Amino acid sequence: MTDRGEDGEIRVWDPFVRVFHWSLASLIGLAWLTGDDGPKALHEGAGYVIAGLLVARLVWGFVGPKHARFSDFLRGPGVVLAHLRDLVRGRERRYLGHNPAGGWMIIALIATISATALTGWLQTTDLFWGSNAMEEIHEILAILILVLLAGHLCGVVVESLRHRENLVRAMITGRKRALSSLPSTEIKLP
């Protein structure tokens, strides 16, 4: 069985990555809506499911298919800076998986969401029950998630426009256009 479909698209995102992505997005939205004045059990429940999803994603980042693996998209600072310079110049490469900057955004989101879940859980322990400091840290991390999310969404829009590819659709279907389907990997700025 081939990964290439009749339409020239190939499988990139496996079902686990797609379900993880949309479940995480939905649960973070639920956690935000139930954070201050909502049902505490719903907020905490969302946090526990988020934590479980993150653990599963970390494991999948080492044992999953090619584009799910951290080794596929984590690059050193020099590669990330070169990618960003090329992006500004309108000469960035198109990647099937995450580009170098997007890879580090994924890690930043995973780390921040993990820290938010951890500080939420710590508030349920004897040591930090009623701790204003821990609650403040939790809230700051939750705001940082929104900042990173805005950056993530901007990156998705820029990459979608620059490479003429609907990345939201790709995260739903799991399929993207093959690298060879454009005449050139260099995209010129208008």
N, C-alpha and C. Protein backbone atom coordinates (compact mmCIF):
# COMPACT_ATOMS: atom_id res chain seq x y z
N MET A 1 0.85 -1.18 0.00
CA MET A 1 0.00 0.00 0.00
C MET A 1 0.89 1.23 0.00
N THR A 2 0.63 2.17 -0.89
CA THR A 2 1.44 3.37 -1.02
C THR A 2 0.82 4.51 -0.22
N ASP A 3 1.68 5.45 0.15
CA ASP A 3 1.21 6.63 0.86
C ASP A 3 0.71 7.70 -0.11
N ARG A 4 1.01 7.55 -1.39
CA ARG A 4 0.62 8.55 -2.37
C ARG A 4 -0.78 8.24 -2.90
N GLY A 5 -1.66 9.24 -2.85
CA GLY A 5 -3.01 9.07 -3.37
C GLY A 5 -3.06 9.43 -4.84
N GLU A 6 -4.20 9.21 -5.44
CA GLU A 6 -4.39 9.53 -6.85
C GLU A 6 -4.26 11.03 -7.11
N ASP A 7 -4.52 11.83 -6.10
CA ASP A 7 -4.46 13.29 -6.26
C ASP A 7 -3.05 13.85 -6.05
N GLY A 8 -2.05 13.00 -5.90
CA GLY A 8 -0.68 13.46 -5.71
C GLY A 8 -0.34 13.82 -4.28
N GLU A 9 -1.30 13.64 -3.39
CA GLU A 9 -1.04 13.93 -1.97
C GLU A 9 -0.49 12.68 -1.30
N ILE A 10 0.26 12.91 -0.24
CA ILE A 10 0.82 11.79 0.51
C ILE A 10 0.45 11.92 1.98
N ARG A 11 0.45 10.80 2.66
CA ARG A 11 0.15 10.79 4.10
C ARG A 11 1.33 11.39 4.86
N VAL A 12 1.03 12.33 5.71
CA VAL A 12 2.06 12.96 6.54
C VAL A 12 1.70 12.78 8.01
N TRP A 13 0.49 13.20 8.39
CA TRP A 13 0.09 13.16 9.81
C TRP A 13 -0.75 11.91 10.06
N ASP A 14 -0.26 11.07 10.96
CA ASP A 14 -0.98 9.84 11.30
C ASP A 14 -2.20 10.15 12.17
N PRO A 15 -3.12 9.20 12.29
CA PRO A 15 -4.35 9.45 13.07
C PRO A 15 -4.07 9.88 14.51
N PHE A 16 -3.07 9.30 15.17
CA PHE A 16 -2.80 9.70 16.55
C PHE A 16 -2.44 11.17 16.64
N VAL A 17 -1.55 11.66 15.76
CA VAL A 17 -1.12 13.06 15.80
C VAL A 17 -2.32 13.97 15.57
N ARG A 18 -3.19 13.60 14.64
CA ARG A 18 -4.35 14.44 14.34
C ARG A 18 -5.35 14.45 15.49
N VAL A 19 -5.64 13.29 16.06
CA VAL A 19 -6.57 13.23 17.20
C VAL A 19 -5.97 13.96 18.40
N PHE A 20 -4.68 13.77 18.64
CA PHE A 20 -3.99 14.48 19.71
C PHE A 20 -4.13 15.99 19.52
N HIS A 21 -3.81 16.48 18.33
CA HIS A 21 -3.83 17.91 18.04
C HIS A 21 -5.20 18.53 18.32
N TRP A 22 -6.25 17.95 17.73
CA TRP A 22 -7.58 18.53 17.86
C TRP A 22 -8.16 18.31 19.26
N SER A 23 -7.83 17.20 19.90
CA SER A 23 -8.28 16.96 21.28
C SER A 23 -7.63 17.96 22.22
N LEU A 24 -6.33 18.15 22.05
CA LEU A 24 -5.61 19.10 22.89
C LEU A 24 -6.17 20.51 22.72
N ALA A 25 -6.39 20.92 21.48
CA ALA A 25 -6.94 22.25 21.22
C ALA A 25 -8.31 22.40 21.89
N SER A 26 -9.16 21.39 21.76
CA SER A 26 -10.50 21.45 22.35
C SER A 26 -10.44 21.48 23.88
N LEU A 27 -9.58 20.66 24.44
CA LEU A 27 -9.48 20.59 25.90
C LEU A 27 -8.88 21.86 26.49
N ILE A 28 -7.94 22.46 25.80
CA ILE A 28 -7.40 23.74 26.28
C ILE A 28 -8.50 24.80 26.25
N GLY A 29 -9.30 24.80 25.19
CA GLY A 29 -10.44 25.72 25.15
C GLY A 29 -11.39 25.48 26.30
N LEU A 30 -11.69 24.21 26.58
CA LEU A 30 -12.56 23.88 27.71
C LEU A 30 -11.95 24.32 29.03
N ALA A 31 -10.66 24.09 29.20
CA ALA A 31 -9.99 24.51 30.44
C ALA A 31 -10.06 26.03 30.61
N TRP A 32 -9.90 26.76 29.52
CA TRP A 32 -9.99 28.21 29.60
C TRP A 32 -11.40 28.65 29.98
N LEU A 33 -12.39 28.04 29.36
CA LEU A 33 -13.78 28.44 29.63
C LEU A 33 -14.21 28.10 31.05
N THR A 34 -13.61 27.10 31.66
CA THR A 34 -14.01 26.67 33.00
C THR A 34 -12.99 27.07 34.06
N GLY A 35 -12.02 27.91 33.69
CA GLY A 35 -10.92 28.25 34.59
C GLY A 35 -11.31 28.97 35.86
N ASP A 36 -11.93 30.12 35.75
CA ASP A 36 -12.19 30.93 36.94
C ASP A 36 -13.57 30.68 37.54
N ASP A 37 -14.57 30.75 36.72
CA ASP A 37 -15.93 30.69 37.24
C ASP A 37 -16.69 29.43 36.84
N GLY A 38 -16.05 28.56 36.09
CA GLY A 38 -16.73 27.36 35.62
C GLY A 38 -16.68 26.24 36.64
N PRO A 39 -17.27 25.11 36.29
CA PRO A 39 -17.24 23.95 37.18
C PRO A 39 -15.80 23.47 37.40
N LYS A 40 -15.38 23.48 38.66
CA LYS A 40 -14.00 23.11 38.99
C LYS A 40 -13.67 21.69 38.54
N ALA A 41 -14.61 20.77 38.68
CA ALA A 41 -14.37 19.37 38.30
C ALA A 41 -14.14 19.25 36.79
N LEU A 42 -14.83 20.07 36.01
CA LEU A 42 -14.66 20.04 34.56
C LEU A 42 -13.28 20.60 34.18
N HIS A 43 -12.87 21.67 34.84
CA HIS A 43 -11.56 22.27 34.60
C HIS A 43 -10.45 21.29 34.96
N GLU A 44 -10.56 20.68 36.13
CA GLU A 44 -9.54 19.72 36.56
C GLU A 44 -9.54 18.48 35.69
N GLY A 45 -10.72 18.01 35.31
CA GLY A 45 -10.81 16.85 34.44
C GLY A 45 -10.14 17.11 33.09
N ALA A 46 -10.38 18.30 32.54
CA ALA A 46 -9.73 18.66 31.28
C ALA A 46 -8.21 18.66 31.47
N GLY A 47 -7.75 19.18 32.60
CA GLY A 47 -6.32 19.21 32.88
C GLY A 47 -5.70 17.82 32.96
N TYR A 48 -6.40 16.90 33.59
CA TYR A 48 -5.88 15.53 33.69
C TYR A 48 -5.83 14.84 32.33
N VAL A 49 -6.86 15.06 31.51
CA VAL A 49 -6.86 14.46 30.17
C VAL A 49 -5.74 15.09 29.33
N ILE A 50 -5.56 16.40 29.45
CA ILE A 50 -4.46 17.08 28.75
C ILE A 50 -3.12 16.46 29.16
N ALA A 51 -2.92 16.26 30.44
CA ALA A 51 -1.66 15.67 30.92
C ALA A 51 -1.46 14.27 30.33
N GLY A 52 -2.52 13.49 30.29
CA GLY A 52 -2.42 12.15 29.70
C GLY A 52 -2.09 12.20 28.22
N LEU A 53 -2.72 13.14 27.51
CA LEU A 53 -2.43 13.30 26.08
C LEU A 53 -0.97 13.69 25.86
N LEU A 54 -0.46 14.58 26.72
CA LEU A 54 0.93 15.01 26.58
C LEU A 54 1.92 13.87 26.80
N VAL A 55 1.64 13.03 27.78
CA VAL A 55 2.51 11.87 28.02
C VAL A 55 2.49 10.96 26.80
N ALA A 56 1.29 10.71 26.26
CA ALA A 56 1.18 9.85 25.08
C ALA A 56 1.92 10.47 23.89
N ARG A 57 1.82 11.80 23.73
CA ARG A 57 2.50 12.46 22.61
C ARG A 57 4.02 12.40 22.77
N LEU A 58 4.50 12.53 23.99
CA LEU A 58 5.94 12.42 24.22
C LEU A 58 6.45 11.03 23.81
N VAL A 59 5.72 10.01 24.19
CA VAL A 59 6.10 8.64 23.79
C VAL A 59 6.04 8.52 22.28
N TRP A 60 4.96 9.02 21.66
CA TRP A 60 4.78 8.93 20.22
C TRP A 60 5.88 9.69 19.48
N GLY A 61 6.42 10.71 20.11
CA GLY A 61 7.51 11.47 19.51
C GLY A 61 8.79 10.68 19.34
N PHE A 62 8.88 9.53 20.01
CA PHE A 62 10.04 8.66 19.88
C PHE A 62 9.74 7.37 19.12
N VAL A 63 8.48 6.90 19.17
CA VAL A 63 8.16 5.60 18.56
C VAL A 63 7.18 5.70 17.40
N GLY A 64 6.60 6.86 17.17
CA GLY A 64 5.59 7.01 16.12
C GLY A 64 6.21 7.03 14.73
N PRO A 65 5.37 7.23 13.72
CA PRO A 65 5.87 7.29 12.35
C PRO A 65 6.77 8.51 12.12
N LYS A 66 7.42 8.54 10.99
CA LYS A 66 8.47 9.52 10.69
C LYS A 66 8.13 10.96 11.09
N HIS A 67 7.05 11.52 10.58
CA HIS A 67 6.76 12.93 10.82
C HIS A 67 6.23 13.22 12.22
N ALA A 68 5.90 12.19 12.97
CA ALA A 68 5.49 12.37 14.37
C ALA A 68 6.70 12.43 15.30
N ARG A 69 7.84 11.95 14.83
CA ARG A 69 9.04 11.86 15.68
C ARG A 69 9.73 13.21 15.83
N PHE A 70 10.18 13.47 17.04
CA PHE A 70 10.90 14.71 17.31
C PHE A 70 12.14 14.81 16.44
N SER A 71 12.77 13.68 16.15
CA SER A 71 13.98 13.69 15.32
C SER A 71 13.70 14.17 13.90
N ASP A 72 12.44 14.16 13.47
CA ASP A 72 12.09 14.62 12.13
C ASP A 72 12.02 16.13 12.06
N PHE A 73 11.72 16.81 13.17
CA PHE A 73 11.50 18.25 13.07
C PHE A 73 12.28 19.11 14.06
N LEU A 74 13.03 18.52 14.96
CA LEU A 74 13.83 19.34 15.87
C LEU A 74 15.20 19.57 15.26
N ARG A 75 15.54 20.81 15.08
CA ARG A 75 16.81 21.20 14.49
C ARG A 75 17.51 22.19 15.43
N GLY A 76 18.79 22.33 15.25
CA GLY A 76 19.58 23.23 16.08
C GLY A 76 19.27 24.70 15.79
N PRO A 77 19.75 25.58 16.68
CA PRO A 77 19.48 27.02 16.53
C PRO A 77 19.96 27.59 15.20
N GLY A 78 21.10 27.12 14.69
CA GLY A 78 21.60 27.63 13.42
C GLY A 78 20.65 27.35 12.27
N VAL A 79 20.09 26.15 12.26
CA VAL A 79 19.14 25.77 11.20
C VAL A 79 17.85 26.59 11.33
N VAL A 80 17.40 26.80 12.57
CA VAL A 80 16.17 27.58 12.79
C VAL A 80 16.39 29.02 12.34
N LEU A 81 17.51 29.62 12.73
CA LEU A 81 17.80 31.00 12.31
C LEU A 81 17.93 31.11 10.80
N ALA A 82 18.59 30.14 10.17
CA ALA A 82 18.71 30.16 8.71
C ALA A 82 17.32 30.06 8.06
N HIS A 83 16.46 29.22 8.62
CA HIS A 83 15.10 29.10 8.09
C HIS A 83 14.36 30.43 8.23
N LEU A 84 14.48 31.08 9.38
CA LEU A 84 13.80 32.37 9.59
C LEU A 84 14.35 33.45 8.65
N ARG A 85 15.67 33.45 8.43
CA ARG A 85 16.26 34.40 7.47
C ARG A 85 15.71 34.14 6.07
N ASP A 86 15.65 32.87 5.70
CA ASP A 86 15.11 32.53 4.38
C ASP A 86 13.64 32.91 4.27
N LEU A 87 12.90 32.77 5.35
CA LEU A 87 11.49 33.14 5.36
C LEU A 87 11.34 34.63 5.09
N VAL A 88 12.15 35.45 5.77
CA VAL A 88 12.09 36.90 5.58
C VAL A 88 12.45 37.26 4.13
N ARG A 89 13.37 36.53 3.55
CA ARG A 89 13.80 36.78 2.17
C ARG A 89 12.87 36.15 1.13
N GLY A 90 11.91 35.36 1.59
CA GLY A 90 10.99 34.72 0.67
C GLY A 90 11.57 33.50 -0.02
N ARG A 91 12.56 32.87 0.60
CA ARG A 91 13.23 31.72 -0.02
C ARG A 91 13.21 30.48 0.86
N GLU A 92 12.27 30.40 1.79
CA GLU A 92 12.26 29.26 2.70
C GLU A 92 11.84 27.98 1.99
N ARG A 93 12.41 26.88 2.46
CA ARG A 93 12.05 25.55 1.95
C ARG A 93 10.65 25.18 2.41
N ARG A 94 10.01 24.35 1.64
CA ARG A 94 8.75 23.74 2.07
C ARG A 94 9.08 22.38 2.66
N TYR A 95 8.46 22.06 3.77
CA TYR A 95 8.68 20.79 4.46
C TYR A 95 7.38 20.00 4.46
N LEU A 96 7.50 18.68 4.40
CA LEU A 96 6.31 17.86 4.55
C LEU A 96 5.83 17.89 5.99
N GLY A 97 6.75 17.73 6.94
CA GLY A 97 6.42 17.83 8.36
C GLY A 97 6.58 19.27 8.81
N HIS A 98 6.90 19.44 10.07
CA HIS A 98 7.10 20.80 10.60
C HIS A 98 8.40 21.38 10.08
N ASN A 99 8.39 22.67 9.78
CA ASN A 99 9.64 23.34 9.43
C ASN A 99 10.44 23.57 10.73
N PRO A 100 11.70 24.00 10.65
CA PRO A 100 12.51 24.13 11.87
C PRO A 100 11.91 25.06 12.93
N ALA A 101 11.34 26.18 12.52
CA ALA A 101 10.73 27.09 13.49
C ALA A 101 9.46 26.47 14.08
N GLY A 102 8.67 25.82 13.24
CA GLY A 102 7.46 25.15 13.70
C GLY A 102 7.76 24.03 14.67
N GLY A 103 8.86 23.32 14.44
CA GLY A 103 9.26 22.25 15.35
C GLY A 103 9.51 22.77 16.76
N TRP A 104 10.19 23.91 16.85
CA TRP A 104 10.45 24.47 18.17
C TRP A 104 9.20 25.08 18.79
N MET A 105 8.27 25.55 17.95
CA MET A 105 6.99 26.02 18.48
C MET A 105 6.24 24.86 19.12
N ILE A 106 6.29 23.69 18.49
CA ILE A 106 5.63 22.51 19.05
C ILE A 106 6.22 22.18 20.42
N ILE A 107 7.54 22.22 20.52
CA ILE A 107 8.20 21.93 21.80
C ILE A 107 7.84 22.99 22.84
N ALA A 108 7.81 24.25 22.44
CA ALA A 108 7.43 25.33 23.37
C ALA A 108 6.00 25.12 23.87
N LEU A 109 5.10 24.74 22.97
CA LEU A 109 3.71 24.49 23.38
C LEU A 109 3.62 23.29 24.31
N ILE A 110 4.28 22.20 23.96
CA ILE A 110 4.24 21.01 24.81
C ILE A 110 4.80 21.32 26.20
N ALA A 111 5.93 22.04 26.26
CA ALA A 111 6.55 22.37 27.54
C ALA A 111 5.65 23.28 28.37
N THR A 112 5.08 24.29 27.74
CA THR A 112 4.23 25.25 28.47
C THR A 112 2.93 24.61 28.92
N ILE A 113 2.32 23.81 28.06
CA ILE A 113 1.08 23.13 28.45
C ILE A 113 1.37 22.12 29.56
N SER A 114 2.51 21.44 29.48
CA SER A 114 2.89 20.49 30.54
C SER A 114 3.08 21.21 31.87
N ALA A 115 3.78 22.33 31.84
CA ALA A 115 4.01 23.10 33.07
C ALA A 115 2.69 23.63 33.63
N THR A 116 1.77 24.00 32.76
CA THR A 116 0.46 24.48 33.21
C THR A 116 -0.31 23.34 33.87
N ALA A 117 -0.29 22.17 33.27
CA ALA A 117 -0.97 21.01 33.87
C ALA A 117 -0.32 20.65 35.20
N LEU A 118 1.01 20.68 35.26
CA LEU A 118 1.71 20.36 36.50
C LEU A 118 1.36 21.34 37.61
N THR A 119 1.38 22.64 37.31
CA THR A 119 1.06 23.61 38.36
C THR A 119 -0.41 23.53 38.77
N GLY A 120 -1.28 23.14 37.85
CA GLY A 120 -2.68 22.92 38.22
C GLY A 120 -2.80 21.75 39.17
N TRP A 121 -2.12 20.66 38.85
CA TRP A 121 -2.16 19.48 39.72
C TRP A 121 -1.53 19.80 41.08
N LEU A 122 -0.42 20.53 41.09
CA LEU A 122 0.24 20.84 42.37
C LEU A 122 -0.69 21.58 43.32
N GLN A 123 -1.61 22.35 42.78
CA GLN A 123 -2.56 23.07 43.63
C GLN A 123 -3.54 22.14 44.33
N THR A 124 -3.59 20.89 43.91
CA THR A 124 -4.47 19.92 44.57
C THR A 124 -3.72 19.14 45.66
N THR A 125 -2.42 19.37 45.81
CA THR A 125 -1.61 18.64 46.79
C THR A 125 -1.60 19.40 48.12
N ASP A 126 -1.27 18.70 49.18
CA ASP A 126 -1.20 19.34 50.51
C ASP A 126 -0.19 20.48 50.52
N LEU A 127 0.91 20.30 49.84
CA LEU A 127 1.99 21.30 49.86
C LEU A 127 1.57 22.63 49.25
N PHE A 128 0.77 22.59 48.18
CA PHE A 128 0.43 23.83 47.46
C PHE A 128 -1.06 24.15 47.48
N TRP A 129 -1.84 23.45 48.30
CA TRP A 129 -3.27 23.74 48.41
C TRP A 129 -3.45 25.18 48.88
N GLY A 130 -4.18 25.97 48.12
CA GLY A 130 -4.43 27.36 48.50
C GLY A 130 -3.25 28.29 48.27
N SER A 131 -2.21 27.85 47.59
CA SER A 131 -1.04 28.68 47.34
C SER A 131 -1.33 29.73 46.27
N ASN A 132 -1.30 31.00 46.68
CA ASN A 132 -1.51 32.09 45.73
C ASN A 132 -0.39 32.14 44.70
N ALA A 133 0.84 31.86 45.14
CA ALA A 133 1.99 31.88 44.23
C ALA A 133 1.82 30.83 43.14
N MET A 134 1.42 29.61 43.52
CA MET A 134 1.24 28.54 42.53
C MET A 134 0.09 28.87 41.59
N GLU A 135 -0.96 29.47 42.12
CA GLU A 135 -2.09 29.86 41.27
C GLU A 135 -1.65 30.92 40.27
N GLU A 136 -0.83 31.88 40.71
CA GLU A 136 -0.32 32.92 39.80
C GLU A 136 0.55 32.31 38.70
N ILE A 137 1.42 31.38 39.08
CA ILE A 137 2.28 30.72 38.09
C ILE A 137 1.41 29.98 37.07
N HIS A 138 0.40 29.28 37.57
CA HIS A 138 -0.52 28.54 36.70
C HIS A 138 -1.20 29.49 35.71
N GLU A 139 -1.66 30.63 36.19
CA GLU A 139 -2.35 31.59 35.34
C GLU A 139 -1.40 32.22 34.33
N ILE A 140 -0.18 32.53 34.73
CA ILE A 140 0.81 33.10 33.80
C ILE A 140 1.12 32.09 32.69
N LEU A 141 1.29 30.84 33.07
CA LEU A 141 1.54 29.80 32.06
C LEU A 141 0.36 29.64 31.12
N ALA A 142 -0.86 29.74 31.65
CA ALA A 142 -2.05 29.63 30.80
C ALA A 142 -2.10 30.78 29.79
N ILE A 143 -1.70 31.97 30.22
CA ILE A 143 -1.64 33.11 29.30
C ILE A 143 -0.55 32.89 28.26
N LEU A 144 0.59 32.34 28.70
CA LEU A 144 1.67 32.04 27.76
C LEU A 144 1.22 31.04 26.69
N ILE A 145 0.35 30.10 27.07
CA ILE A 145 -0.20 29.18 26.07
C ILE A 145 -0.91 29.97 24.97
N LEU A 146 -1.70 30.97 25.37
CA LEU A 146 -2.43 31.77 24.38
C LEU A 146 -1.47 32.55 23.48
N VAL A 147 -0.40 33.07 24.05
CA VAL A 147 0.60 33.80 23.27
C VAL A 147 1.25 32.86 22.25
N LEU A 148 1.65 31.68 22.72
CA LEU A 148 2.25 30.70 21.81
C LEU A 148 1.24 30.23 20.76
N LEU A 149 0.00 30.05 21.18
CA LEU A 149 -1.04 29.64 20.24
C LEU A 149 -1.21 30.69 19.14
N ALA A 150 -1.16 31.97 19.50
CA ALA A 150 -1.25 33.03 18.49
C ALA A 150 -0.08 32.92 17.51
N GLY A 151 1.12 32.67 18.03
CA GLY A 151 2.28 32.48 17.16
C GLY A 151 2.12 31.27 16.27
N HIS A 152 1.61 30.19 16.84
CA HIS A 152 1.37 28.96 16.08
C HIS A 152 0.39 29.22 14.94
N LEU A 153 -0.71 29.88 15.24
CA LEU A 153 -1.71 30.17 14.21
C LEU A 153 -1.16 31.10 13.13
N CYS A 154 -0.37 32.09 13.53
CA CYS A 154 0.27 32.97 12.54
C CYS A 154 1.19 32.17 11.63
N GLY A 155 1.96 31.27 12.21
CA GLY A 155 2.84 30.42 11.41
C GLY A 155 2.07 29.56 10.43
N VAL A 156 0.94 29.01 10.88
CA VAL A 156 0.10 28.18 10.00
C VAL A 156 -0.43 29.01 8.83
N VAL A 157 -0.88 30.23 9.13
CA VAL A 157 -1.42 31.09 8.08
C VAL A 157 -0.31 31.47 7.09
N VAL A 158 0.84 31.89 7.60
CA VAL A 158 1.96 32.29 6.73
C VAL A 158 2.38 31.12 5.83
N GLU A 159 2.60 29.95 6.44
CA GLU A 159 3.03 28.79 5.65
C GLU A 159 1.96 28.37 4.65
N SER A 160 0.70 28.43 5.04
CA SER A 160 -0.38 28.07 4.12
C SER A 160 -0.40 29.00 2.91
N LEU A 161 -0.25 30.29 3.15
CA LEU A 161 -0.27 31.25 2.06
C LEU A 161 0.99 31.16 1.21
N ARG A 162 2.12 31.07 1.86
CA ARG A 162 3.40 31.07 1.13
C ARG A 162 3.56 29.84 0.26
N HIS A 163 3.09 28.71 0.74
CA HIS A 163 3.29 27.47 -0.01
C HIS A 163 2.01 26.97 -0.68
N ARG A 164 0.99 27.84 -0.67
CA ARG A 164 -0.29 27.52 -1.32
C ARG A 164 -0.81 26.15 -0.90
N GLU A 165 -0.91 26.00 0.42
CA GLU A 165 -1.33 24.70 0.97
C GLU A 165 -2.16 24.94 2.22
N ASN A 166 -3.31 24.31 2.29
CA ASN A 166 -4.20 24.46 3.44
C ASN A 166 -3.72 23.53 4.56
N LEU A 167 -2.97 24.09 5.53
CA LEU A 167 -2.41 23.26 6.59
C LEU A 167 -3.47 22.82 7.60
N VAL A 168 -4.54 23.57 7.75
CA VAL A 168 -5.63 23.13 8.63
C VAL A 168 -6.26 21.87 8.03
N ARG A 169 -6.51 21.89 6.75
CA ARG A 169 -7.06 20.71 6.07
C ARG A 169 -6.10 19.52 6.21
N ALA A 170 -4.80 19.79 6.09
CA ALA A 170 -3.81 18.71 6.22
C ALA A 170 -3.85 18.09 7.61
N MET A 171 -4.11 18.90 8.63
CA MET A 171 -4.17 18.35 10.00
C MET A 171 -5.49 17.61 10.23
N ILE A 172 -6.46 17.80 9.36
CA ILE A 172 -7.71 17.05 9.45
C ILE A 172 -7.59 15.74 8.65
N THR A 173 -7.09 15.84 7.43
CA THR A 173 -7.03 14.66 6.55
C THR A 173 -5.75 13.84 6.75
N GLY A 174 -4.71 14.50 7.22
CA GLY A 174 -3.41 13.84 7.37
C GLY A 174 -2.59 13.86 6.10
N ARG A 175 -3.10 14.47 5.04
CA ARG A 175 -2.44 14.43 3.74
C ARG A 175 -1.97 15.82 3.30
N LYS A 176 -0.81 15.83 2.64
CA LYS A 176 -0.27 17.06 2.07
C LYS A 176 0.23 16.78 0.66
N ARG A 177 0.38 17.83 -0.08
CA ARG A 177 0.93 17.75 -1.43
C ARG A 177 2.38 17.27 -1.35
N ALA A 178 2.77 16.40 -2.24
CA ALA A 178 4.14 15.91 -2.26
C ALA A 178 5.10 17.07 -2.53
N LEU A 179 6.33 16.95 -2.06
CA LEU A 179 7.31 18.03 -2.24
C LEU A 179 7.57 18.34 -3.71
N SER A 180 7.50 17.36 -4.55
CA SER A 180 7.82 17.56 -5.97
C SER A 180 6.65 18.13 -6.78
N SER A 181 5.53 18.43 -6.14
CA SER A 181 4.36 18.85 -6.90
C SER A 181 4.36 20.33 -7.27
N LEU A 182 5.31 21.11 -6.75
CA LEU A 182 5.44 22.52 -7.16
C LEU A 182 6.65 22.63 -8.07
N PRO A 183 6.62 23.53 -9.04
CA PRO A 183 7.75 23.67 -9.93
C PRO A 183 9.03 24.08 -9.22
N SER A 184 8.91 24.83 -8.12
CA SER A 184 10.11 25.28 -7.41
C SER A 184 9.80 25.34 -5.93
N THR A 185 10.82 25.07 -5.09
CA THR A 185 10.60 25.20 -3.66
C THR A 185 10.84 26.64 -3.21
N GLU A 186 11.29 27.49 -4.12
CA GLU A 186 11.50 28.88 -3.76
C GLU A 186 10.22 29.67 -4.06
N ILE A 187 9.76 30.41 -3.09
CA ILE A 187 8.55 31.19 -3.23
C ILE A 187 8.97 32.66 -3.23
N LYS A 188 8.55 33.42 -4.21
CA LYS A 188 8.92 34.82 -4.31
C LYS A 188 7.89 35.68 -3.59
N LEU A 189 8.36 36.69 -2.89
CA LEU A 189 7.46 37.66 -2.27
C LEU A 189 6.89 38.58 -3.33
N PRO A 190 5.63 39.01 -3.15
CA PRO A 190 5.06 39.94 -4.14
C PRO A 190 5.75 41.29 -4.07
